[in-house]
Amino acid sequence: MEFELTRYWWIVVLRGVLAIAFGVIAFFWPGVVWLVVVATFAAYALLDGVLAIVAAVRAQGRAGPWWALLLEGVVSIAAGVVAILWPGITELVLLFVIAGWCMATGVLEIVAAIRRRKYIVGEWLLALSGVLSIALGLALALMPIAGLLVVAWWIGAYSLAFGILLVILGFRLRGLSRQVSSPEYAAAR
């Protein structure tokens, strides 16, 4: 079971790298046409959702509540589809879509961390990324008039922090994978 949890560590790292890339884009190109912001968010949400669903399907029946990760993936894909179907969406509406997505995925990440605490080391990183998601969602919902530039920077900061936490967690899982597959570990069991 431990090996199965750590086998796909690279999916966690890939999600982190995508979040970091999205954060960099949000920081360095905040004034780009709003449609590009919508498309960037949609692409990130769709990719993140697909990767979360892949991770959930691979973990199904092996450890803990794979359904929370599956639901997080569905929520991410739904947010991406909303952004694609209404490309002329206003700043305010997209802001609330992003805020809702952040809060929903944050809650699901915390649930997944709590349920997986028996199976993985470093689950607090996933819980912390969930807290960051909720904090960003609340900030966006409570201060919608902050402006596109500030919102882009908030989203960029969140994405960078979230991505770094996922990369760290992924490499911890990779280390655990090597430990679990070592002959010494097998002999000890």
N, C-alpha and C. Protein backbone atom coordinates (compact mmCIF):
# COMPACT_ATOMS: atom_id res chain seq x y z
N MET A 1 0.83 -1.19 0.00
CA MET A 1 0.00 0.00 0.00
C MET A 1 0.87 1.25 0.00
N GLU A 2 1.91 1.27 0.82
CA GLU A 2 2.79 2.44 0.87
C GLU A 2 3.45 2.69 -0.48
N PHE A 3 3.83 1.58 -1.16
CA PHE A 3 4.46 1.73 -2.46
C PHE A 3 3.49 2.34 -3.46
N GLU A 4 2.24 1.91 -3.42
CA GLU A 4 1.24 2.46 -4.34
C GLU A 4 1.04 3.95 -4.12
N LEU A 5 1.08 4.38 -2.86
CA LEU A 5 0.91 5.81 -2.57
C LEU A 5 2.05 6.64 -3.14
N THR A 6 3.23 6.09 -3.13
CA THR A 6 4.41 6.84 -3.55
C THR A 6 4.78 6.62 -5.01
N ARG A 7 4.18 5.65 -5.64
CA ARG A 7 4.54 5.28 -7.00
C ARG A 7 4.35 6.41 -8.01
N TYR A 8 3.33 7.20 -7.82
CA TYR A 8 3.01 8.27 -8.77
C TYR A 8 3.34 9.64 -8.20
N TRP A 9 4.46 9.73 -7.50
CA TRP A 9 4.92 10.99 -6.92
C TRP A 9 5.07 12.07 -7.98
N TRP A 10 5.40 11.67 -9.17
CA TRP A 10 5.67 12.63 -10.25
C TRP A 10 4.42 13.41 -10.63
N ILE A 11 3.23 12.85 -10.42
CA ILE A 11 2.00 13.59 -10.72
C ILE A 11 1.88 14.78 -9.77
N VAL A 12 2.22 14.57 -8.50
CA VAL A 12 2.19 15.66 -7.52
C VAL A 12 3.20 16.74 -7.91
N VAL A 13 4.40 16.32 -8.31
CA VAL A 13 5.43 17.28 -8.73
C VAL A 13 4.98 18.03 -9.99
N LEU A 14 4.38 17.34 -10.94
CA LEU A 14 3.91 17.99 -12.17
C LEU A 14 2.83 19.02 -11.86
N ARG A 15 1.91 18.69 -10.96
CA ARG A 15 0.90 19.68 -10.54
C ARG A 15 1.57 20.89 -9.92
N GLY A 16 2.61 20.67 -9.12
CA GLY A 16 3.33 21.78 -8.50
C GLY A 16 4.03 22.65 -9.53
N VAL A 17 4.66 22.02 -10.51
CA VAL A 17 5.36 22.77 -11.55
C VAL A 17 4.36 23.60 -12.36
N LEU A 18 3.20 23.03 -12.67
CA LEU A 18 2.17 23.79 -13.40
C LEU A 18 1.71 24.99 -12.58
N ALA A 19 1.53 24.80 -11.29
CA ALA A 19 1.10 25.91 -10.42
C ALA A 19 2.17 27.00 -10.38
N ILE A 20 3.44 26.61 -10.30
CA ILE A 20 4.54 27.59 -10.29
C ILE A 20 4.57 28.35 -11.61
N ALA A 21 4.41 27.64 -12.72
CA ALA A 21 4.41 28.31 -14.04
C ALA A 21 3.25 29.30 -14.14
N PHE A 22 2.09 28.90 -13.66
CA PHE A 22 0.93 29.79 -13.67
C PHE A 22 1.20 31.01 -12.80
N GLY A 23 1.84 30.82 -11.66
CA GLY A 23 2.16 31.93 -10.76
C GLY A 23 3.11 32.92 -11.41
N VAL A 24 4.11 32.42 -12.11
CA VAL A 24 5.07 33.29 -12.79
C VAL A 24 4.36 34.11 -13.87
N ILE A 25 3.49 33.46 -14.63
CA ILE A 25 2.74 34.18 -15.66
C ILE A 25 1.90 35.29 -15.04
N ALA A 26 1.23 34.98 -13.92
CA ALA A 26 0.38 35.97 -13.27
C ALA A 26 1.20 37.16 -12.75
N PHE A 27 2.44 36.93 -12.30
CA PHE A 27 3.28 38.03 -11.80
C PHE A 27 3.84 38.91 -12.91
N PHE A 28 4.35 38.29 -13.96
CA PHE A 28 5.08 39.05 -14.96
C PHE A 28 4.25 39.58 -16.12
N TRP A 29 3.02 39.08 -16.29
CA TRP A 29 2.16 39.57 -17.35
C TRP A 29 0.78 39.94 -16.84
N PRO A 30 0.69 40.72 -15.78
CA PRO A 30 -0.63 41.01 -15.21
C PRO A 30 -1.50 41.93 -16.07
N GLY A 31 -0.88 42.72 -16.92
CA GLY A 31 -1.65 43.67 -17.71
C GLY A 31 -2.11 43.14 -19.04
N VAL A 32 -1.86 41.88 -19.32
CA VAL A 32 -2.25 41.29 -20.60
C VAL A 32 -3.77 41.28 -20.69
N VAL A 33 -4.25 41.31 -21.89
CA VAL A 33 -5.69 41.34 -22.16
C VAL A 33 -6.42 40.34 -21.25
N TRP A 34 -7.59 40.78 -20.75
CA TRP A 34 -8.35 39.95 -19.80
C TRP A 34 -8.67 38.58 -20.37
N LEU A 35 -8.87 38.49 -21.66
CA LEU A 35 -9.16 37.21 -22.28
C LEU A 35 -8.00 36.23 -22.07
N VAL A 36 -6.77 36.72 -22.11
CA VAL A 36 -5.61 35.85 -21.88
C VAL A 36 -5.61 35.36 -20.42
N VAL A 37 -6.01 36.23 -19.50
CA VAL A 37 -6.10 35.81 -18.10
C VAL A 37 -7.14 34.70 -17.96
N VAL A 38 -8.28 34.88 -18.62
CA VAL A 38 -9.34 33.87 -18.57
C VAL A 38 -8.83 32.55 -19.17
N ALA A 39 -8.18 32.64 -20.33
CA ALA A 39 -7.67 31.43 -20.99
C ALA A 39 -6.59 30.75 -20.15
N THR A 40 -5.70 31.54 -19.53
CA THR A 40 -4.65 30.97 -18.70
C THR A 40 -5.25 30.25 -17.49
N PHE A 41 -6.21 30.91 -16.85
CA PHE A 41 -6.88 30.26 -15.72
C PHE A 41 -7.58 28.98 -16.17
N ALA A 42 -8.30 29.05 -17.30
CA ALA A 42 -9.02 27.88 -17.79
C ALA A 42 -8.07 26.72 -18.08
N ALA A 43 -6.96 27.02 -18.73
CA ALA A 43 -5.98 25.97 -19.05
C ALA A 43 -5.40 25.36 -17.77
N TYR A 44 -5.05 26.22 -16.83
CA TYR A 44 -4.50 25.72 -15.56
C TYR A 44 -5.53 24.86 -14.83
N ALA A 45 -6.77 25.35 -14.72
CA ALA A 45 -7.80 24.61 -13.99
C ALA A 45 -8.08 23.27 -14.67
N LEU A 46 -8.13 23.25 -16.00
CA LEU A 46 -8.37 21.99 -16.71
C LEU A 46 -7.23 21.00 -16.51
N LEU A 47 -5.99 21.46 -16.68
CA LEU A 47 -4.83 20.57 -16.48
C LEU A 47 -4.75 20.08 -15.04
N ASP A 48 -4.94 20.98 -14.09
CA ASP A 48 -4.91 20.60 -12.69
C ASP A 48 -6.01 19.58 -12.39
N GLY A 49 -7.18 19.80 -12.95
CA GLY A 49 -8.30 18.88 -12.74
C GLY A 49 -8.02 17.50 -13.32
N VAL A 50 -7.49 17.46 -14.53
CA VAL A 50 -7.17 16.17 -15.16
C VAL A 50 -6.11 15.43 -14.33
N LEU A 51 -5.07 16.13 -13.90
CA LEU A 51 -4.02 15.48 -13.11
C LEU A 51 -4.56 15.00 -11.77
N ALA A 52 -5.45 15.75 -11.15
CA ALA A 52 -6.04 15.32 -9.88
C ALA A 52 -6.90 14.07 -10.09
N ILE A 53 -7.65 14.03 -11.19
CA ILE A 53 -8.49 12.85 -11.48
C ILE A 53 -7.61 11.63 -11.76
N VAL A 54 -6.54 11.82 -12.52
CA VAL A 54 -5.62 10.72 -12.79
C VAL A 54 -5.05 10.17 -11.48
N ALA A 55 -4.63 11.06 -10.60
CA ALA A 55 -4.09 10.63 -9.30
C ALA A 55 -5.15 9.89 -8.50
N ALA A 56 -6.40 10.36 -8.53
CA ALA A 56 -7.48 9.72 -7.78
C ALA A 56 -7.79 8.33 -8.33
N VAL A 57 -7.85 8.21 -9.66
CA VAL A 57 -8.14 6.92 -10.28
C VAL A 57 -7.05 5.91 -9.95
N ARG A 58 -5.82 6.36 -9.97
CA ARG A 58 -4.71 5.45 -9.66
C ARG A 58 -4.67 5.07 -8.19
N ALA A 59 -5.18 5.92 -7.33
CA ALA A 59 -5.17 5.64 -5.89
C ALA A 59 -6.44 4.92 -5.45
N GLN A 60 -7.42 4.80 -6.33
CA GLN A 60 -8.72 4.23 -5.98
C GLN A 60 -8.55 2.83 -5.39
N GLY A 61 -9.15 2.65 -4.22
CA GLY A 61 -9.12 1.35 -3.58
C GLY A 61 -7.82 0.99 -2.89
N ARG A 62 -6.83 1.84 -2.98
CA ARG A 62 -5.53 1.52 -2.39
C ARG A 62 -5.32 2.19 -1.05
N ALA A 63 -5.73 3.44 -0.94
CA ALA A 63 -5.46 4.15 0.31
C ALA A 63 -6.36 5.36 0.45
N GLY A 64 -7.04 5.41 1.55
CA GLY A 64 -7.74 6.62 1.91
C GLY A 64 -8.82 7.05 0.94
N PRO A 65 -9.24 8.28 1.08
CA PRO A 65 -10.38 8.80 0.33
C PRO A 65 -10.00 9.35 -1.04
N TRP A 66 -9.85 8.48 -1.99
CA TRP A 66 -9.52 8.91 -3.35
C TRP A 66 -10.61 9.81 -3.90
N TRP A 67 -11.82 9.69 -3.37
CA TRP A 67 -12.95 10.47 -3.86
C TRP A 67 -12.75 11.97 -3.66
N ALA A 68 -12.03 12.38 -2.60
CA ALA A 68 -11.81 13.81 -2.37
C ALA A 68 -10.94 14.39 -3.49
N LEU A 69 -9.93 13.64 -3.89
CA LEU A 69 -9.07 14.09 -4.99
C LEU A 69 -9.84 14.08 -6.30
N LEU A 70 -10.69 13.08 -6.48
CA LEU A 70 -11.54 13.02 -7.68
C LEU A 70 -12.48 14.22 -7.73
N LEU A 71 -13.10 14.54 -6.61
CA LEU A 71 -14.01 15.67 -6.55
C LEU A 71 -13.27 16.98 -6.80
N GLU A 72 -12.05 17.11 -6.26
CA GLU A 72 -11.23 18.30 -6.52
C GLU A 72 -10.96 18.44 -8.01
N GLY A 73 -10.67 17.32 -8.68
CA GLY A 73 -10.45 17.36 -10.12
C GLY A 73 -11.68 17.79 -10.90
N VAL A 74 -12.84 17.28 -10.49
CA VAL A 74 -14.09 17.65 -11.16
C VAL A 74 -14.38 19.14 -10.97
N VAL A 75 -14.16 19.65 -9.75
CA VAL A 75 -14.38 21.08 -9.48
C VAL A 75 -13.44 21.93 -10.34
N SER A 76 -12.18 21.51 -10.43
CA SER A 76 -11.21 22.26 -11.25
C SER A 76 -11.62 22.27 -12.72
N ILE A 77 -12.02 21.12 -13.23
CA ILE A 77 -12.44 21.05 -14.63
C ILE A 77 -13.69 21.90 -14.85
N ALA A 78 -14.64 21.87 -13.92
CA ALA A 78 -15.85 22.68 -14.05
C ALA A 78 -15.50 24.17 -14.10
N ALA A 79 -14.57 24.61 -13.24
CA ALA A 79 -14.16 26.01 -13.25
C ALA A 79 -13.50 26.37 -14.58
N GLY A 80 -12.69 25.47 -15.12
CA GLY A 80 -12.05 25.71 -16.41
C GLY A 80 -13.06 25.78 -17.54
N VAL A 81 -14.06 24.91 -17.52
CA VAL A 81 -15.10 24.90 -18.55
C VAL A 81 -15.91 26.19 -18.50
N VAL A 82 -16.26 26.65 -17.29
CA VAL A 82 -17.00 27.91 -17.16
C VAL A 82 -16.21 29.05 -17.79
N ALA A 83 -14.91 29.09 -17.54
CA ALA A 83 -14.07 30.16 -18.10
C ALA A 83 -13.98 30.05 -19.62
N ILE A 84 -13.98 28.84 -20.16
CA ILE A 84 -13.91 28.67 -21.62
C ILE A 84 -15.23 29.01 -22.30
N LEU A 85 -16.34 28.59 -21.72
CA LEU A 85 -17.65 28.80 -22.34
C LEU A 85 -18.06 30.26 -22.37
N TRP A 86 -17.57 31.05 -21.42
CA TRP A 86 -17.89 32.48 -21.36
C TRP A 86 -16.62 33.30 -21.39
N PRO A 87 -15.93 33.36 -22.54
CA PRO A 87 -14.65 34.07 -22.59
C PRO A 87 -14.79 35.58 -22.36
N GLY A 88 -15.96 36.12 -22.59
CA GLY A 88 -16.17 37.54 -22.36
C GLY A 88 -16.62 37.83 -20.93
N ILE A 89 -16.45 36.88 -20.10
CA ILE A 89 -16.89 36.99 -18.70
C ILE A 89 -16.26 38.22 -18.05
N THR A 90 -17.00 38.88 -17.22
CA THR A 90 -16.47 40.09 -16.59
C THR A 90 -15.46 39.74 -15.50
N GLU A 91 -14.65 40.73 -15.16
CA GLU A 91 -13.67 40.54 -14.09
C GLU A 91 -14.32 40.05 -12.82
N LEU A 92 -15.41 40.68 -12.46
CA LEU A 92 -16.05 40.36 -11.19
C LEU A 92 -16.58 38.94 -11.17
N VAL A 93 -17.23 38.52 -12.25
CA VAL A 93 -17.77 37.16 -12.29
C VAL A 93 -16.63 36.14 -12.25
N LEU A 94 -15.60 36.36 -13.07
CA LEU A 94 -14.47 35.43 -13.05
C LEU A 94 -13.80 35.42 -11.68
N LEU A 95 -13.72 36.59 -11.07
CA LEU A 95 -13.14 36.68 -9.74
C LEU A 95 -13.90 35.78 -8.77
N PHE A 96 -15.23 35.80 -8.82
CA PHE A 96 -16.02 34.96 -7.93
C PHE A 96 -15.94 33.48 -8.31
N VAL A 97 -15.80 33.18 -9.60
CA VAL A 97 -15.58 31.79 -10.02
C VAL A 97 -14.26 31.29 -9.44
N ILE A 98 -13.21 32.10 -9.57
CA ILE A 98 -11.90 31.71 -9.03
C ILE A 98 -11.96 31.59 -7.51
N ALA A 99 -12.65 32.53 -6.85
CA ALA A 99 -12.78 32.48 -5.38
C ALA A 99 -13.49 31.20 -4.96
N GLY A 100 -14.57 30.86 -5.61
CA GLY A 100 -15.30 29.63 -5.29
C GLY A 100 -14.46 28.39 -5.53
N TRP A 101 -13.73 28.39 -6.64
CA TRP A 101 -12.85 27.27 -6.97
C TRP A 101 -11.77 27.13 -5.90
N CYS A 102 -11.16 28.23 -5.50
CA CYS A 102 -10.11 28.19 -4.48
C CYS A 102 -10.64 27.62 -3.17
N MET A 103 -11.80 28.09 -2.74
CA MET A 103 -12.35 27.62 -1.47
C MET A 103 -12.75 26.15 -1.54
N ALA A 104 -13.37 25.74 -2.63
CA ALA A 104 -13.79 24.34 -2.77
C ALA A 104 -12.59 23.40 -2.82
N THR A 105 -11.59 23.73 -3.64
CA THR A 105 -10.42 22.86 -3.70
C THR A 105 -9.64 22.89 -2.40
N GLY A 106 -9.61 24.03 -1.72
CA GLY A 106 -8.93 24.12 -0.43
C GLY A 106 -9.53 23.18 0.60
N VAL A 107 -10.86 23.19 0.69
CA VAL A 107 -11.53 22.29 1.63
C VAL A 107 -11.23 20.83 1.28
N LEU A 108 -11.28 20.50 -0.01
CA LEU A 108 -11.03 19.12 -0.44
C LEU A 108 -9.58 18.71 -0.20
N GLU A 109 -8.63 19.63 -0.34
CA GLU A 109 -7.23 19.32 -0.05
C GLU A 109 -7.03 19.05 1.44
N ILE A 110 -7.69 19.81 2.29
CA ILE A 110 -7.60 19.58 3.73
C ILE A 110 -8.20 18.23 4.09
N VAL A 111 -9.35 17.91 3.50
CA VAL A 111 -9.98 16.60 3.75
C VAL A 111 -9.04 15.48 3.31
N ALA A 112 -8.44 15.62 2.13
CA ALA A 112 -7.52 14.59 1.63
C ALA A 112 -6.31 14.46 2.57
N ALA A 113 -5.78 15.57 3.06
CA ALA A 113 -4.63 15.52 3.97
C ALA A 113 -4.99 14.82 5.27
N ILE A 114 -6.15 15.13 5.81
CA ILE A 114 -6.58 14.51 7.06
C ILE A 114 -6.76 13.00 6.87
N ARG A 115 -7.38 12.63 5.77
CA ARG A 115 -7.63 11.20 5.51
C ARG A 115 -6.35 10.44 5.18
N ARG A 116 -5.37 11.12 4.60
CA ARG A 116 -4.13 10.45 4.18
C ARG A 116 -3.03 10.50 5.24
N ARG A 117 -3.29 11.12 6.37
CA ARG A 117 -2.23 11.29 7.37
C ARG A 117 -1.67 9.97 7.86
N LYS A 118 -2.43 8.90 7.76
CA LYS A 118 -1.95 7.59 8.19
C LYS A 118 -1.04 6.95 7.14
N TYR A 119 -1.12 7.44 5.92
CA TYR A 119 -0.45 6.78 4.82
C TYR A 119 0.77 7.50 4.27
N ILE A 120 0.84 8.82 4.45
CA ILE A 120 1.97 9.54 3.87
C ILE A 120 2.63 10.43 4.91
N VAL A 121 3.89 10.71 4.67
CA VAL A 121 4.64 11.64 5.50
C VAL A 121 4.55 13.01 4.82
N GLY A 122 4.35 14.03 5.59
CA GLY A 122 4.28 15.37 5.02
C GLY A 122 2.89 15.77 4.58
N GLU A 123 1.87 15.12 5.14
CA GLU A 123 0.50 15.46 4.76
C GLU A 123 0.15 16.90 5.14
N TRP A 124 0.91 17.44 6.09
CA TRP A 124 0.66 18.83 6.49
C TRP A 124 0.90 19.79 5.33
N LEU A 125 1.75 19.41 4.38
CA LEU A 125 1.99 20.26 3.21
C LEU A 125 0.72 20.37 2.37
N LEU A 126 0.02 19.24 2.22
CA LEU A 126 -1.24 19.26 1.47
C LEU A 126 -2.28 20.07 2.23
N ALA A 127 -2.33 19.90 3.55
CA ALA A 127 -3.28 20.67 4.37
C ALA A 127 -2.97 22.16 4.29
N LEU A 128 -1.69 22.52 4.35
CA LEU A 128 -1.29 23.92 4.25
C LEU A 128 -1.66 24.51 2.90
N SER A 129 -1.50 23.72 1.84
CA SER A 129 -1.90 24.22 0.51
C SER A 129 -3.41 24.42 0.47
N GLY A 130 -4.17 23.59 1.18
CA GLY A 130 -5.61 23.78 1.28
C GLY A 130 -5.98 25.06 2.02
N VAL A 131 -5.25 25.34 3.10
CA VAL A 131 -5.48 26.58 3.86
C VAL A 131 -5.17 27.79 2.98
N LEU A 132 -4.07 27.71 2.20
CA LEU A 132 -3.73 28.80 1.28
C LEU A 132 -4.83 29.00 0.24
N SER A 133 -5.38 27.90 -0.27
CA SER A 133 -6.46 28.00 -1.26
C SER A 133 -7.67 28.70 -0.67
N ILE A 134 -8.05 28.33 0.55
CA ILE A 134 -9.21 28.94 1.20
C ILE A 134 -8.93 30.42 1.48
N ALA A 135 -7.73 30.73 1.95
CA ALA A 135 -7.39 32.13 2.25
C ALA A 135 -7.48 32.99 1.00
N LEU A 136 -6.96 32.50 -0.12
CA LEU A 136 -7.05 33.27 -1.36
C LEU A 136 -8.50 33.42 -1.78
N GLY A 137 -9.28 32.36 -1.71
CA GLY A 137 -10.68 32.44 -2.09
C GLY A 137 -11.45 33.46 -1.26
N LEU A 138 -11.20 33.47 0.05
CA LEU A 138 -11.86 34.45 0.92
C LEU A 138 -11.42 35.87 0.59
N ALA A 139 -10.11 36.06 0.37
CA ALA A 139 -9.60 37.39 0.05
C ALA A 139 -10.22 37.91 -1.24
N LEU A 140 -10.33 37.05 -2.24
CA LEU A 140 -10.92 37.46 -3.51
C LEU A 140 -12.41 37.78 -3.35
N ALA A 141 -13.12 36.98 -2.57
CA ALA A 141 -14.55 37.20 -2.38
C ALA A 141 -14.84 38.46 -1.56
N LEU A 142 -13.97 38.75 -0.59
CA LEU A 142 -14.21 39.89 0.30
C LEU A 142 -13.72 41.22 -0.27
N MET A 143 -12.77 41.17 -1.23
CA MET A 143 -12.22 42.41 -1.79
C MET A 143 -12.25 42.37 -3.32
N PRO A 144 -13.43 42.28 -3.92
CA PRO A 144 -13.50 42.11 -5.37
C PRO A 144 -13.09 43.34 -6.17
N ILE A 145 -13.07 44.50 -5.57
CA ILE A 145 -12.76 45.71 -6.32
C ILE A 145 -11.26 46.02 -6.28
N ALA A 146 -10.47 45.12 -5.77
CA ALA A 146 -9.03 45.36 -5.61
C ALA A 146 -8.32 45.63 -6.94
N GLY A 147 -8.90 45.17 -8.00
CA GLY A 147 -8.30 45.46 -9.31
C GLY A 147 -7.58 44.26 -9.88
N LEU A 148 -7.49 44.23 -11.19
CA LEU A 148 -6.89 43.11 -11.90
C LEU A 148 -5.43 42.91 -11.55
N LEU A 149 -4.67 43.99 -11.42
CA LEU A 149 -3.25 43.85 -11.12
C LEU A 149 -3.05 43.19 -9.76
N VAL A 150 -3.74 43.67 -8.75
CA VAL A 150 -3.60 43.11 -7.41
C VAL A 150 -4.08 41.66 -7.39
N VAL A 151 -5.21 41.41 -8.04
CA VAL A 151 -5.74 40.05 -8.09
C VAL A 151 -4.75 39.13 -8.78
N ALA A 152 -4.16 39.58 -9.88
CA ALA A 152 -3.16 38.76 -10.57
C ALA A 152 -1.98 38.46 -9.66
N TRP A 153 -1.54 39.44 -8.88
CA TRP A 153 -0.43 39.20 -7.96
C TRP A 153 -0.83 38.25 -6.83
N TRP A 154 -2.06 38.39 -6.33
CA TRP A 154 -2.52 37.45 -5.28
C TRP A 154 -2.55 36.03 -5.83
N ILE A 155 -3.11 35.90 -7.00
CA ILE A 155 -3.20 34.57 -7.60
C ILE A 155 -1.80 34.03 -7.89
N GLY A 156 -0.92 34.91 -8.38
CA GLY A 156 0.46 34.49 -8.64
C GLY A 156 1.16 34.03 -7.37
N ALA A 157 1.01 34.79 -6.29
CA ALA A 157 1.65 34.42 -5.01
C ALA A 157 1.09 33.10 -4.50
N TYR A 158 -0.22 32.96 -4.57
CA TYR A 158 -0.85 31.70 -4.15
C TYR A 158 -0.33 30.54 -5.00
N SER A 159 -0.32 30.70 -6.31
CA SER A 159 0.10 29.62 -7.20
C SER A 159 1.55 29.23 -6.96
N LEU A 160 2.42 30.22 -6.76
CA LEU A 160 3.82 29.91 -6.46
C LEU A 160 3.94 29.13 -5.16
N ALA A 161 3.29 29.59 -4.10
CA ALA A 161 3.36 28.90 -2.81
C ALA A 161 2.76 27.51 -2.90
N PHE A 162 1.60 27.39 -3.53
CA PHE A 162 0.93 26.11 -3.69
C PHE A 162 1.82 25.15 -4.49
N GLY A 163 2.39 25.64 -5.59
CA GLY A 163 3.25 24.82 -6.43
C GLY A 163 4.49 24.35 -5.70
N ILE A 164 5.12 25.23 -4.95
CA ILE A 164 6.31 24.86 -4.18
C ILE A 164 5.97 23.77 -3.16
N LEU A 165 4.83 23.93 -2.47
CA LEU A 165 4.42 22.92 -1.49
C LEU A 165 4.16 21.57 -2.17
N LEU A 166 3.53 21.57 -3.33
CA LEU A 166 3.29 20.31 -4.03
C LEU A 166 4.58 19.68 -4.53
N VAL A 167 5.52 20.47 -5.01
CA VAL A 167 6.81 19.93 -5.46
C VAL A 167 7.54 19.29 -4.28
N ILE A 168 7.56 19.96 -3.14
CA ILE A 168 8.20 19.40 -1.95
C ILE A 168 7.53 18.09 -1.54
N LEU A 169 6.20 18.09 -1.50
CA LEU A 169 5.47 16.88 -1.15
C LEU A 169 5.77 15.76 -2.15
N GLY A 170 5.78 16.07 -3.43
CA GLY A 170 6.07 15.06 -4.45
C GLY A 170 7.44 14.44 -4.28
N PHE A 171 8.45 15.26 -4.00
CA PHE A 171 9.79 14.72 -3.82
C PHE A 171 9.91 13.95 -2.50
N ARG A 172 9.12 14.33 -1.50
CA ARG A 172 9.09 13.52 -0.27
C ARG A 172 8.48 12.15 -0.56
N LEU A 173 7.43 12.14 -1.36
CA LEU A 173 6.84 10.87 -1.76
C LEU A 173 7.82 10.04 -2.58
N ARG A 174 8.60 10.70 -3.43
CA ARG A 174 9.62 10.01 -4.21
C ARG A 174 10.64 9.35 -3.29
N GLY A 175 11.08 10.10 -2.28
CA GLY A 175 12.03 9.54 -1.31
C GLY A 175 11.44 8.36 -0.57
N LEU A 176 10.18 8.47 -0.20
CA LEU A 176 9.50 7.37 0.47
C LEU A 176 9.37 6.18 -0.47
N SER A 177 9.16 6.45 -1.76
CA SER A 177 9.05 5.39 -2.76
C SER A 177 10.36 4.59 -2.82
N ARG A 178 11.45 5.30 -2.82
CA ARG A 178 12.76 4.62 -2.85
C ARG A 178 12.97 3.81 -1.58
N GLN A 179 12.54 4.36 -0.46
CA GLN A 179 12.70 3.66 0.81
C GLN A 179 11.84 2.40 0.82
N VAL A 180 10.60 2.51 0.38
CA VAL A 180 9.67 1.39 0.39
C VAL A 180 10.13 0.28 -0.56
N SER A 181 10.77 0.65 -1.68
CA SER A 181 11.20 -0.36 -2.65
C SER A 181 12.59 -0.92 -2.37
N SER A 182 13.24 -0.44 -1.31
CA SER A 182 14.61 -0.91 -1.01
C SER A 182 14.57 -2.31 -0.41
N PRO A 183 15.63 -3.09 -0.64
CA PRO A 183 15.69 -4.46 -0.07
C PRO A 183 15.68 -4.43 1.47
N GLU A 184 16.25 -3.39 2.07
CA GLU A 184 16.27 -3.30 3.54
C GLU A 184 14.85 -3.15 4.08
N TYR A 185 14.04 -2.37 3.38
CA TYR A 185 12.65 -2.17 3.81
C TYR A 185 11.88 -3.48 3.71
N ALA A 186 12.07 -4.18 2.59
CA ALA A 186 11.37 -5.46 2.39
C ALA A 186 11.78 -6.47 3.46
N ALA A 187 13.07 -6.50 3.80
CA ALA A 187 13.56 -7.43 4.81
C ALA A 187 13.01 -7.10 6.19
N ALA A 188 12.81 -5.83 6.45
CA ALA A 188 12.30 -5.40 7.76
C ALA A 188 10.81 -5.74 7.91
N ARG A 189 10.13 -5.89 6.84
CA ARG A 189 8.68 -6.16 6.89
C ARG A 189 8.50 -7.61 7.05
